[in-house]
């Protein structure tokens, strides 16, 4: 991905159980310091997703890396940014915190 250009990625989720699951995802960016430059335009995360028994779905995330990433001297040695997701079964009324960067 070139900083400033949009990109589209798909994450695969599968419900291997015999019951429907309603889940929610959180994301993580590594290295942590690069997270401030990662911008989601459209994402499945933080919204509940229903997966029926044995269902497998592709979930899209549309994003870009802020072009200021390339100008930050602290990012000079960073040539790989990893975006990962963790899918949790949602509990009624549960709200997950939004990640923050300082």
PDB file of N, CA and C in Angstrom:
ATOM      1  N   UNK A   1       0.853  -1.182   0.000  1.00  0.00           N
ATOM      2  CA  UNK A   1       0.000   0.000   0.000  1.00  0.00           C
ATOM      3  C   UNK A   1       0.891   1.234   0.000  1.00  0.00           C
ATOM      4  N   UNK A   2       0.618   2.150  -0.888  1.00  0.00           N
ATOM      5  CA  UNK A   2       1.372   3.400  -0.970  1.00  0.00           C
ATOM      6  C   UNK A   2       0.673   4.441  -0.107  1.00  0.00           C
ATOM      7  N   UNK A   3       1.405   5.119   0.807  1.00  0.00           N
ATOM      8  CA  UNK A   3       0.762   6.145   1.632  1.00  0.00           C
ATOM      9  C   UNK A   3      -0.002   7.151   0.765  1.00  0.00           C
ATOM     10  N   UNK A   4      -1.231   7.445   1.193  1.00  0.00           N
ATOM     11  CA  UNK A   4      -2.090   8.378   0.483  1.00  0.00           C
ATOM     12  C   UNK A   4      -3.037   7.716  -0.502  1.00  0.00           C
ATOM     13  N   UNK A   5      -2.754   6.481  -0.918  1.00  0.00           N
ATOM     14  CA  UNK A   5      -3.625   5.765  -1.842  1.00  0.00           C
ATOM     15  C   UNK A   5      -4.562   4.852  -1.068  1.00  0.00           C
ATOM     16  N   UNK A   6      -5.807   4.755  -1.522  1.00  0.00           N
ATOM     17  CA  UNK A   6      -6.762   3.882  -0.846  1.00  0.00           C
ATOM     18  C   UNK A   6      -6.493   2.426  -1.200  1.00  0.00           C
ATOM     19  N   UNK A   7      -6.911   1.555  -0.293  1.00  0.00           N
ATOM     20  CA  UNK A   7      -6.734   0.117  -0.495  1.00  0.00           C
ATOM     21  C   UNK A   7      -7.956  -0.608   0.065  1.00  0.00           C
ATOM     22  N   UNK A   8      -8.195  -1.778  -0.451  1.00  0.00           N
ATOM     23  CA  UNK A   8      -9.308  -2.610  -0.010  1.00  0.00           C
ATOM     24  C   UNK A   8      -8.756  -3.976   0.366  1.00  0.00           C
ATOM     25  N   UNK A   9      -9.096  -4.421   1.560  1.00  0.00           N
ATOM     26  CA  UNK A   9      -8.672  -5.745   2.022  1.00  0.00           C
ATOM     27  C   UNK A   9      -9.906  -6.501   2.505  1.00  0.00           C
ATOM     28  N   UNK A  10      -9.829  -7.819   2.451  1.00  0.00           N
ATOM     29  CA  UNK A  10     -10.932  -8.656   2.923  1.00  0.00           C
ATOM     30  C   UNK A  10     -10.416  -9.602   3.995  1.00  0.00           C
ATOM     31  N   UNK A  11     -11.191  -9.735   5.042  1.00  0.00           N
ATOM     32  CA  UNK A  11     -10.903 -10.683   6.113  1.00  0.00           C
ATOM     33  C   UNK A  11     -11.984 -11.743   6.081  1.00  0.00           C
ATOM     34  N   UNK A  12     -11.576 -12.977   6.252  1.00  0.00           N
ATOM     35  CA  UNK A  12     -12.505 -14.100   6.211  1.00  0.00           C
ATOM     36  C   UNK A  12     -12.874 -14.476   7.644  1.00  0.00           C
ATOM     37  N   UNK A  13     -14.167 -14.668   7.865  1.00  0.00           N
ATOM     38  CA  UNK A  13     -14.657 -15.121   9.167  1.00  0.00           C
ATOM     39  C   UNK A  13     -15.532 -16.345   8.935  1.00  0.00           C
ATOM     40  N   UNK A  14     -15.400 -17.323   9.815  1.00  0.00           N
ATOM     41  CA  UNK A  14     -16.208 -18.535   9.696  1.00  0.00           C
ATOM     42  C   UNK A  14     -16.751 -18.900  11.063  1.00  0.00           C
ATOM     43  N   UNK A  15     -18.021 -19.275  11.071  1.00  0.00           N
ATOM     44  CA  UNK A  15     -18.657 -19.788  12.274  1.00  0.00           C
ATOM     45  C   UNK A  15     -18.606 -21.315  12.186  1.00  0.00           C
ATOM     46  N   UNK A  16     -17.697 -21.955  12.920  1.00  0.00           N
ATOM     47  CA  UNK A  16     -17.566 -23.408  12.823  1.00  0.00           C
ATOM     48  C   UNK A  16     -18.569 -24.171  13.686  1.00  0.00           C
ATOM     49  N   UNK A  17     -19.467 -23.446  14.354  1.00  0.00           N
ATOM     50  CA  UNK A  17     -20.406 -24.095  15.272  1.00  0.00           C
ATOM     51  C   UNK A  17     -21.717 -24.428  14.566  1.00  0.00           C
ATOM     52  N   UNK A  18     -22.595 -25.050  15.313  1.00  0.00           N
ATOM     53  CA  UNK A  18     -23.919 -25.412  14.802  1.00  0.00           C
ATOM     54  C   UNK A  18     -24.988 -24.434  15.284  1.00  0.00           C
ATOM     55  N   UNK A  19     -24.574 -23.304  15.813  1.00  0.00           N
ATOM     56  CA  UNK A  19     -25.545 -22.289  16.243  1.00  0.00           C
ATOM     57  C   UNK A  19     -25.152 -20.941  15.654  1.00  0.00           C
ATOM     58  N   UNK A  20     -26.139 -20.075  15.425  1.00  0.00           N
ATOM     59  CA  UNK A  20     -25.802 -18.738  14.928  1.00  0.00           C
ATOM     60  C   UNK A  20     -25.032 -17.963  15.994  1.00  0.00           C
ATOM     61  N   UNK A  21     -24.122 -17.123  15.538  1.00  0.00           N
ATOM     62  CA  UNK A  21     -23.319 -16.300  16.445  1.00  0.00           C
ATOM     63  C   UNK A  21     -23.425 -14.851  15.994  1.00  0.00           C
ATOM     64  N   UNK A  22     -23.612 -13.975  16.954  1.00  0.00           N
ATOM     65  CA  UNK A  22     -23.524 -12.550  16.688  1.00  0.00           C
ATOM     66  C   UNK A  22     -22.234 -12.091  17.341  1.00  0.00           C
ATOM     67  N   UNK A  23     -21.363 -11.502  16.533  1.00  0.00           N
ATOM     68  CA  UNK A  23     -20.051 -11.116  17.037  1.00  0.00           C
ATOM     69  C   UNK A  23     -19.710  -9.699  16.664  1.00  0.00           C
ATOM     70  N   UNK A  24     -18.614  -9.247  17.224  1.00  0.00           N
ATOM     71  CA  UNK A  24     -18.095  -7.908  16.978  1.00  0.00           C
ATOM     72  C   UNK A  24     -16.580  -8.024  16.883  1.00  0.00           C
ATOM     73  N   UNK A  25     -15.975  -7.163  16.081  1.00  0.00           N
ATOM     74  CA  UNK A  25     -14.525  -7.234  15.866  1.00  0.00           C
ATOM     75  C   UNK A  25     -13.832  -5.996  16.392  1.00  0.00           C
ATOM     76  N   UNK A  26     -12.628  -6.200  16.852  1.00  0.00           N
ATOM     77  CA  UNK A  26     -11.736  -5.091  17.185  1.00  0.00           C
ATOM     78  C   UNK A  26     -10.493  -5.249  16.327  1.00  0.00           C
ATOM     79  N   UNK A  27      -9.800  -4.157  16.113  1.00  0.00           N
ATOM     80  CA  UNK A  27      -8.610  -4.237  15.267  1.00  0.00           C
ATOM     81  C   UNK A  27      -7.372  -3.792  16.018  1.00  0.00           C
ATOM     82  N   UNK A  28      -6.241  -4.171  15.450  1.00  0.00           N
ATOM     83  CA  UNK A  28      -4.951  -3.810  16.012  1.00  0.00           C
ATOM     84  C   UNK A  28      -4.008  -3.487  14.847  1.00  0.00           C
ATOM     85  N   UNK A  29      -3.206  -2.449  15.024  1.00  0.00           N
ATOM     86  CA  UNK A  29      -2.203  -2.063  14.028  1.00  0.00           C
ATOM     87  C   UNK A  29      -0.832  -2.202  14.672  1.00  0.00           C
ATOM     88  N   UNK A  30       0.067  -2.886  13.977  1.00  0.00           N
ATOM     89  CA  UNK A  30       1.437  -3.081  14.457  1.00  0.00           C
ATOM     90  C   UNK A  30       2.385  -2.632  13.362  1.00  0.00           C
ATOM     91  N   UNK A  31       3.400  -1.845  13.667  1.00  0.00           N
ATOM     92  CA  UNK A  31       3.762  -1.346  14.991  1.00  0.00           C
ATOM     93  C   UNK A  31       2.755  -0.296  15.486  1.00  0.00           C
ATOM     94  N   UNK A  32       2.598  -0.267  16.783  1.00  0.00           N
ATOM     95  CA  UNK A  32       1.612   0.599  17.417  1.00  0.00           C
ATOM     96  C   UNK A  32       1.744   2.049  16.962  1.00  0.00           C
ATOM     97  N   UNK A  33       2.973   2.541  16.843  1.00  0.00           N
ATOM     98  CA  UNK A  33       3.217   3.940  16.472  1.00  0.00           C
ATOM     99  C   UNK A  33       2.685   4.276  15.075  1.00  0.00           C
ATOM    100  N   UNK A  34       2.550   3.287  14.226  1.00  0.00           N
ATOM    101  CA  UNK A  34       2.040   3.513  12.873  1.00  0.00           C
ATOM    102  C   UNK A  34       0.517   3.634  12.862  1.00  0.00           C
ATOM    103  N   UNK A  35      -0.128   3.208  13.943  1.00  0.00           N
ATOM    104  CA  UNK A  35      -1.586   3.235  14.019  1.00  0.00           C
ATOM    105  C   UNK A  35      -2.191   4.607  13.816  1.00  0.00           C
ATOM    106  N   UNK A  36      -1.472   5.648  14.219  1.00  0.00           N
ATOM    107  CA  UNK A  36      -2.010   6.999  14.061  1.00  0.00           C
ATOM    108  C   UNK A  36      -2.126   7.401  12.589  1.00  0.00           C
ATOM    109  N   UNK A  37      -1.457   6.691  11.715  1.00  0.00           N
ATOM    110  CA  UNK A  37      -1.499   6.995  10.282  1.00  0.00           C
ATOM    111  C   UNK A  37      -2.472   6.094   9.513  1.00  0.00           C
ATOM    112  N   UNK A  38      -3.026   5.120  10.203  1.00  0.00           N
ATOM    113  CA  UNK A  38      -3.952   4.179   9.560  1.00  0.00           C
ATOM    114  C   UNK A  38      -5.365   4.752   9.645  1.00  0.00           C
ATOM    115  N   UNK A  39      -6.007   4.943   8.500  1.00  0.00           N
ATOM    116  CA  UNK A  39      -7.346   5.539   8.449  1.00  0.00           C
ATOM    117  C   UNK A  39      -8.323   4.609   7.744  1.00  0.00           C
ATOM    118  N   UNK A  40      -9.344   4.172   8.504  1.00  0.00           N
ATOM    119  CA  UNK A  40     -10.395   3.346   7.915  1.00  0.00           C
ATOM    120  C   UNK A  40     -11.445   4.263   7.295  1.00  0.00           C
ATOM    121  N   UNK A  41     -11.796   4.006   6.063  1.00  0.00           N
ATOM    122  CA  UNK A  41     -12.861   4.744   5.385  1.00  0.00           C
ATOM    123  C   UNK A  41     -14.183   4.013   5.602  1.00  0.00           C
ATOM    124  N   UNK A  42     -14.123   2.704   5.441  1.00  0.00           N
ATOM    125  CA  UNK A  42     -15.298   1.866   5.636  1.00  0.00           C
ATOM    126  C   UNK A  42     -14.823   0.542   6.211  1.00  0.00           C
ATOM    127  N   UNK A  43     -15.494   0.090   7.275  1.00  0.00           N
ATOM    128  CA  UNK A  43     -15.020  -1.114   7.950  1.00  0.00           C
ATOM    129  C   UNK A  43     -16.181  -1.855   8.602  1.00  0.00           C
ATOM    130  N   UNK A  44     -16.045  -3.162   8.674  1.00  0.00           N
ATOM    131  CA  UNK A  44     -17.018  -4.011   9.342  1.00  0.00           C
ATOM    132  C   UNK A  44     -16.849  -3.975  10.861  1.00  0.00           C
ATOM    133  N   UNK A  45     -15.715  -3.488  11.317  1.00  0.00           N
ATOM    134  CA  UNK A  45     -15.397  -3.563  12.739  1.00  0.00           C
ATOM    135  C   UNK A  45     -16.287  -2.637  13.569  1.00  0.00           C
ATOM    136  N   UNK A  46     -16.445  -2.990  14.812  1.00  0.00           N
ATOM    137  CA  UNK A  46     -17.251  -2.255  15.786  1.00  0.00           C
ATOM    138  C   UNK A  46     -18.743  -2.281  15.473  1.00  0.00           C
ATOM    139  N   UNK A  47     -19.158  -3.084  14.503  1.00  0.00           N
ATOM    140  CA  UNK A  47     -20.576  -3.308  14.223  1.00  0.00           C
ATOM    141  C   UNK A  47     -20.838  -4.795  14.389  1.00  0.00           C
ATOM    142  N   UNK A  48     -21.960  -5.126  15.003  1.00  0.00           N
ATOM    143  CA  UNK A  48     -22.267  -6.533  15.192  1.00  0.00           C
ATOM    144  C   UNK A  48     -22.481  -7.223  13.846  1.00  0.00           C
ATOM    145  N   UNK A  49     -21.967  -8.444  13.763  1.00  0.00           N
ATOM    146  CA  UNK A  49     -22.076  -9.262  12.555  1.00  0.00           C
ATOM    147  C   UNK A  49     -22.722 -10.591  12.953  1.00  0.00           C
ATOM    148  N   UNK A  50     -23.697 -11.024  12.194  1.00  0.00           N
ATOM    149  CA  UNK A  50     -24.319 -12.331  12.446  1.00  0.00           C
ATOM    150  C   UNK A  50     -23.736 -13.343  11.466  1.00  0.00           C
ATOM    151  N   UNK A  51     -23.302 -14.469  12.030  1.00  0.00           N
ATOM    152  CA  UNK A  51     -22.819 -15.587  11.219  1.00  0.00           C
ATOM    153  C   UNK A  51     -23.674 -16.804  11.554  1.00  0.00           C
ATOM    154  N   UNK A  52     -24.312 -17.347  10.557  1.00  0.00           N
ATOM    155  CA  UNK A  52     -25.128 -18.546  10.747  1.00  0.00           C
ATOM    156  C   UNK A  52     -24.228 -19.763  10.894  1.00  0.00           C
ATOM    157  N   UNK A  53     -24.782 -20.888  11.335  1.00  0.00           N
ATOM    158  CA  UNK A  53     -23.963 -22.098  11.502  1.00  0.00           C
ATOM    159  C   UNK A  53     -23.199 -22.452  10.226  1.00  0.00           C
ATOM    160  N   UNK A  54     -21.913 -22.681  10.370  1.00  0.00           N
ATOM    161  CA  UNK A  54     -21.007 -23.059   9.278  1.00  0.00           C
ATOM    162  C   UNK A  54     -20.839 -21.985   8.196  1.00  0.00           C
ATOM    163  N   UNK A  55     -21.385 -20.807   8.404  1.00  0.00           N
ATOM    164  CA  UNK A  55     -21.273 -19.742   7.404  1.00  0.00           C
ATOM    165  C   UNK A  55     -19.864 -19.158   7.396  1.00  0.00           C
ATOM    166  N   UNK A  56     -19.388 -18.856   6.206  1.00  0.00           N
ATOM    167  CA  UNK A  56     -18.094 -18.211   6.023  1.00  0.00           C
ATOM    168  C   UNK A  56     -18.328 -16.967   5.168  1.00  0.00           C
ATOM    169  N   UNK A  57     -17.811 -15.836   5.624  1.00  0.00           N
ATOM    170  CA  UNK A  57     -18.024 -14.578   4.906  1.00  0.00           C
ATOM    171  C   UNK A  57     -16.703 -13.826   4.763  1.00  0.00           C
ATOM    172  N   UNK A  58     -16.634 -13.022   3.699  1.00  0.00           N
ATOM    173  CA  UNK A  58     -15.525 -12.095   3.512  1.00  0.00           C
ATOM    174  C   UNK A  58     -16.000 -10.731   3.980  1.00  0.00           C
ATOM    175  N   UNK A  59     -15.224 -10.113   4.856  1.00  0.00           N
ATOM    176  CA  UNK A  59     -15.600  -8.813   5.406  1.00  0.00           C
ATOM    177  C   UNK A  59     -14.579  -7.773   4.938  1.00  0.00           C
ATOM    178  N   UNK A  60     -15.053  -6.716   4.257  1.00  0.00           N
ATOM    179  CA  UNK A  60     -14.141  -5.737   3.660  1.00  0.00           C
ATOM    180  C   UNK A  60     -13.753  -4.610   4.611  1.00  0.00           C
ATOM    181  N   UNK A  61     -12.558  -4.096   4.386  1.00  0.00           N
ATOM    182  CA  UNK A  61     -12.124  -2.860   5.036  1.00  0.00           C
ATOM    183  C   UNK A  61     -11.457  -2.005   3.955  1.00  0.00           C
ATOM    184  N   UNK A  62     -11.937  -0.788   3.841  1.00  0.00           N
ATOM    185  CA  UNK A  62     -11.445   0.175   2.850  1.00  0.00           C
ATOM    186  C   UNK A  62     -10.654   1.211   3.648  1.00  0.00           C
ATOM    187  N   UNK A  63      -9.389   1.428   3.314  1.00  0.00           N
ATOM    188  CA  UNK A  63      -8.525   2.244   4.165  1.00  0.00           C
ATOM    189  C   UNK A  63      -7.443   2.942   3.358  1.00  0.00           C
ATOM    190  N   UNK A  64      -6.699   3.809   4.046  1.00  0.00           N
ATOM    191  CA  UNK A  64      -5.487   4.399   3.480  1.00  0.00           C
ATOM    192  C   UNK A  64      -4.522   4.720   4.605  1.00  0.00           C
ATOM    193  N   UNK A  65      -3.262   4.820   4.249  1.00  0.00           N
ATOM    194  CA  UNK A  65      -2.215   5.254   5.174  1.00  0.00           C
ATOM    195  C   UNK A  65      -1.986   6.740   4.896  1.00  0.00           C
ATOM    196  N   UNK A  66      -2.093   7.550   5.931  1.00  0.00           N
ATOM    197  CA  UNK A  66      -1.918   8.994   5.783  1.00  0.00           C
ATOM    198  C   UNK A  66      -0.563   9.278   5.143  1.00  0.00           C
ATOM    199  N   UNK A  67      -0.522  10.161   4.130  1.00  0.00           N
ATOM    200  CA  UNK A  67       0.750  10.453   3.459  1.00  0.00           C
ATOM    201  C   UNK A  67       1.805  11.040   4.407  1.00  0.00           C
ATOM    202  N   UNK A  68       1.394  11.609   5.529  1.00  0.00           N
ATOM    203  CA  UNK A  68       2.352  12.134   6.509  1.00  0.00           C
ATOM    204  C   UNK A  68       3.211  11.023   7.110  1.00  0.00           C
ATOM    205  N   UNK A  69       2.753   9.770   6.988  1.00  0.00           N
ATOM    206  CA  UNK A  69       3.534   8.614   7.437  1.00  0.00           C
ATOM    207  C   UNK A  69       4.942   8.660   6.838  1.00  0.00           C
ATOM    208  N   UNK A  70       5.016   8.963   5.541  1.00  0.00           N
ATOM    209  CA  UNK A  70       6.304   8.966   4.825  1.00  0.00           C
ATOM    210  C   UNK A  70       7.208  10.106   5.271  1.00  0.00           C
ATOM    211  N   UNK A  71       6.638  11.138   5.900  1.00  0.00           N
ATOM    212  CA  UNK A  71       7.421  12.295   6.340  1.00  0.00           C
ATOM    213  C   UNK A  71       7.867  12.193   7.795  1.00  0.00           C
ATOM    214  N   UNK A  72       7.333  11.236   8.528  1.00  0.00           N
ATOM    215  CA  UNK A  72       7.637  11.102   9.955  1.00  0.00           C
ATOM    216  C   UNK A  72       8.963  10.362  10.132  1.00  0.00           C
ATOM    217  N   UNK A  73       9.972  11.029  10.695  1.00  0.00           N
ATOM    218  CA  UNK A  73      11.275  10.366  10.874  1.00  0.00           C
ATOM    219  C   UNK A  73      11.197   9.113  11.757  1.00  0.00           C
ATOM    220  N   UNK A  74      10.212   9.056  12.663  1.00  0.00           N
ATOM    221  CA  UNK A  74      10.060   7.873  13.526  1.00  0.00           C
ATOM    222  C   UNK A  74       9.574   6.664  12.733  1.00  0.00           C
ATOM    223  N   UNK A  75       9.032   6.891  11.540  1.00  0.00           N
ATOM    224  CA  UNK A  75       8.529   5.797  10.712  1.00  0.00           C
ATOM    225  C   UNK A  75       9.521   5.393   9.623  1.00  0.00           C
ATOM    226  N   UNK A  76      10.688   6.006   9.600  1.00  0.00           N
ATOM    227  CA  UNK A  76      11.674   5.783   8.533  1.00  0.00           C
ATOM    228  C   UNK A  76      12.034   4.304   8.351  1.00  0.00           C
ATOM    229  N   UNK A  77      12.103   3.540   9.427  1.00  0.00           N
ATOM    230  CA  UNK A  77      12.498   2.136   9.323  1.00  0.00           C
ATOM    231  C   UNK A  77      11.299   1.194   9.233  1.00  0.00           C
ATOM    232  N   UNK A  78      10.098   1.756   9.220  1.00  0.00           N
ATOM    233  CA  UNK A  78       8.892   0.929   9.147  1.00  0.00           C
ATOM    234  C   UNK A  78       8.557   0.689   7.679  1.00  0.00           C
ATOM    235  N   UNK A  79       8.653  -0.561   7.261  1.00  0.00           N
ATOM    236  CA  UNK A  79       8.286  -0.900   5.883  1.00  0.00           C
ATOM    237  C   UNK A  79       7.170  -1.942   5.849  1.00  0.00           C
ATOM    238  N   UNK A  80       6.656  -2.289   7.021  1.00  0.00           N
ATOM    239  CA  UNK A  80       5.563  -3.255   7.102  1.00  0.00           C
ATOM    240  C   UNK A  80       4.617  -2.833   8.213  1.00  0.00           C
ATOM    241  N   UNK A  81       3.349  -2.683   7.874  1.00  0.00           N
ATOM    242  CA  UNK A  81       2.299  -2.402   8.858  1.00  0.00           C
ATOM    243  C   UNK A  81       1.327  -3.575   8.787  1.00  0.00           C
ATOM    244  N   UNK A  82       1.024  -4.140   9.948  1.00  0.00           N
ATOM    245  CA  UNK A  82       0.115  -5.276  10.010  1.00  0.00           C
ATOM    246  C   UNK A  82      -1.200  -4.844  10.642  1.00  0.00           C
ATOM    247  N   UNK A  83      -2.291  -5.115   9.959  1.00  0.00           N
ATOM    248  CA  UNK A  83      -3.632  -4.876  10.462  1.00  0.00           C
ATOM    249  C   UNK A  83      -4.246  -6.231  10.768  1.00  0.00           C
ATOM    250  N   UNK A  84      -4.680  -6.411  12.009  1.00  0.00           N
ATOM    251  CA  UNK A  84      -5.300  -7.686  12.382  1.00  0.00           C
ATOM    252  C   UNK A  84      -6.617  -7.420  13.099  1.00  0.00           C
ATOM    253  N   UNK A  85      -7.462  -8.420  13.095  1.00  0.00           N
ATOM    254  CA  UNK A  85      -8.771  -8.333  13.735  1.00  0.00           C
ATOM    255  C   UNK A  85      -8.972  -9.501  14.670  1.00  0.00           C
ATOM    256  N   UNK A  86      -9.706  -9.260  15.754  1.00  0.00           N
ATOM    257  CA  UNK A  86     -10.140 -10.311  16.663  1.00  0.00           C
ATOM    258  C   UNK A  86     -11.661 -10.253  16.696  1.00  0.00           C
ATOM    259  N   UNK A  87     -12.290 -11.389  16.484  1.00  0.00           N
ATOM    260  CA  UNK A  87     -13.748 -11.486  16.435  1.00  0.00           C
ATOM    261  C   UNK A  87     -14.226 -12.092  17.751  1.00  0.00           C
ATOM    262  N   UNK A  88     -15.077 -11.363  18.476  1.00  0.00           N
ATOM    263  CA  UNK A  88     -15.607 -11.808  19.754  1.00  0.00           C
ATOM    264  C   UNK A  88     -17.102 -12.043  19.631  1.00  0.00           C
ATOM    265  N   UNK A  89     -17.602 -13.024  20.349  1.00  0.00           N
ATOM    266  CA  UNK A  89     -19.055 -13.174  20.427  1.00  0.00           C
ATOM    267  C   UNK A  89     -19.589 -12.013  21.258  1.00  0.00           C
ATOM    268  N   UNK A  90     -20.580 -11.313  20.715  1.00  0.00           N
ATOM    269  CA  UNK A  90     -21.140 -10.128  21.377  1.00  0.00           C
ATOM    270  C   UNK A  90     -22.051 -10.550  22.529  1.00  0.00           C
ATOM    271  N   UNK A  91     -22.031  -9.743  23.561  1.00  0.00           N
ATOM    272  CA  UNK A  91     -22.942  -9.941  24.679  1.00  0.00           C
ATOM    273  C   UNK A  91     -23.914  -8.769  24.669  1.00  0.00           C
ATOM    274  N   UNK A  92     -25.146  -9.023  25.001  1.00  0.00           N
ATOM    275  CA  UNK A  92     -26.157  -7.976  24.962  1.00  0.00           C
ATOM    276  C   UNK A  92     -25.723  -6.754  25.762  1.00  0.00           C
ATOM    277  N   UNK A  93     -25.755  -5.589  25.123  1.00  0.00           N
ATOM    278  CA  UNK A  93     -25.389  -4.343  25.787  1.00  0.00           C
ATOM    279  C   UNK A  93     -23.896  -4.077  25.848  1.00  0.00           C
ATOM    280  N   UNK A  94     -23.077  -4.994  25.360  1.00  0.00           N
ATOM    281  CA  UNK A  94     -21.622  -4.828  25.418  1.00  0.00           C
ATOM    282  C   UNK A  94     -21.167  -3.779  24.409  1.00  0.00           C
ATOM    283  N   UNK A  95     -20.330  -2.859  24.856  1.00  0.00           N
ATOM    284  CA  UNK A  95     -19.734  -1.856  23.974  1.00  0.00           C
ATOM    285  C   UNK A  95     -18.227  -1.996  24.088  1.00  0.00           C
ATOM    286  N   UNK A  96     -17.557  -2.084  22.956  1.00  0.00           N
ATOM    287  CA  UNK A  96     -16.100  -2.177  22.959  1.00  0.00           C
ATOM    288  C   UNK A  96     -15.505  -0.782  22.825  1.00  0.00           C
ATOM    289  N   UNK A  97     -14.407  -0.518  23.520  1.00  0.00           N
ATOM    290  CA  UNK A  97     -13.791   0.811  23.429  1.00  0.00           C
ATOM    291  C   UNK A  97     -13.144   1.032  22.073  1.00  0.00           C
ATOM    292  N   UNK A  98     -13.184   2.268  21.624  1.00  0.00           N
ATOM    293  CA  UNK A  98     -12.480   2.631  20.412  1.00  0.00           C
ATOM    294  C   UNK A  98     -11.006   2.817  20.756  1.00  0.00           C
ATOM    295  N   UNK A  99     -10.110   2.341  19.913  1.00  0.00           N
ATOM    296  CA  UNK A  99      -8.696   2.514  20.212  1.00  0.00           C
ATOM    297  C   UNK A  99      -8.304   3.998  20.112  1.00  0.00           C
ATOM    298  N   UNK A 100      -7.366   4.399  20.946  1.00  0.00           N
ATOM    299  CA  UNK A 100      -6.914   5.769  20.913  1.00  0.00           C
ATOM    300  C   UNK A 100      -5.405   5.820  20.818  1.00  0.00           C
ATOM    301  N   UNK A 101      -4.908   6.873  20.250  1.00  0.00           N
ATOM    302  CA  UNK A 101      -3.464   7.047  20.096  1.00  0.00           C
ATOM    303  C   UNK A 101      -3.070   8.372  20.726  1.00  0.00           C
ATOM    304  N   UNK A 102      -1.921   8.391  21.361  1.00  0.00           N
ATOM    305  CA  UNK A 102      -1.486   9.602  22.041  1.00  0.00           C
ATOM    306  C   UNK A 102      -0.245  10.158  21.406  1.00  0.00           C
TER     307      UNK A 102
END
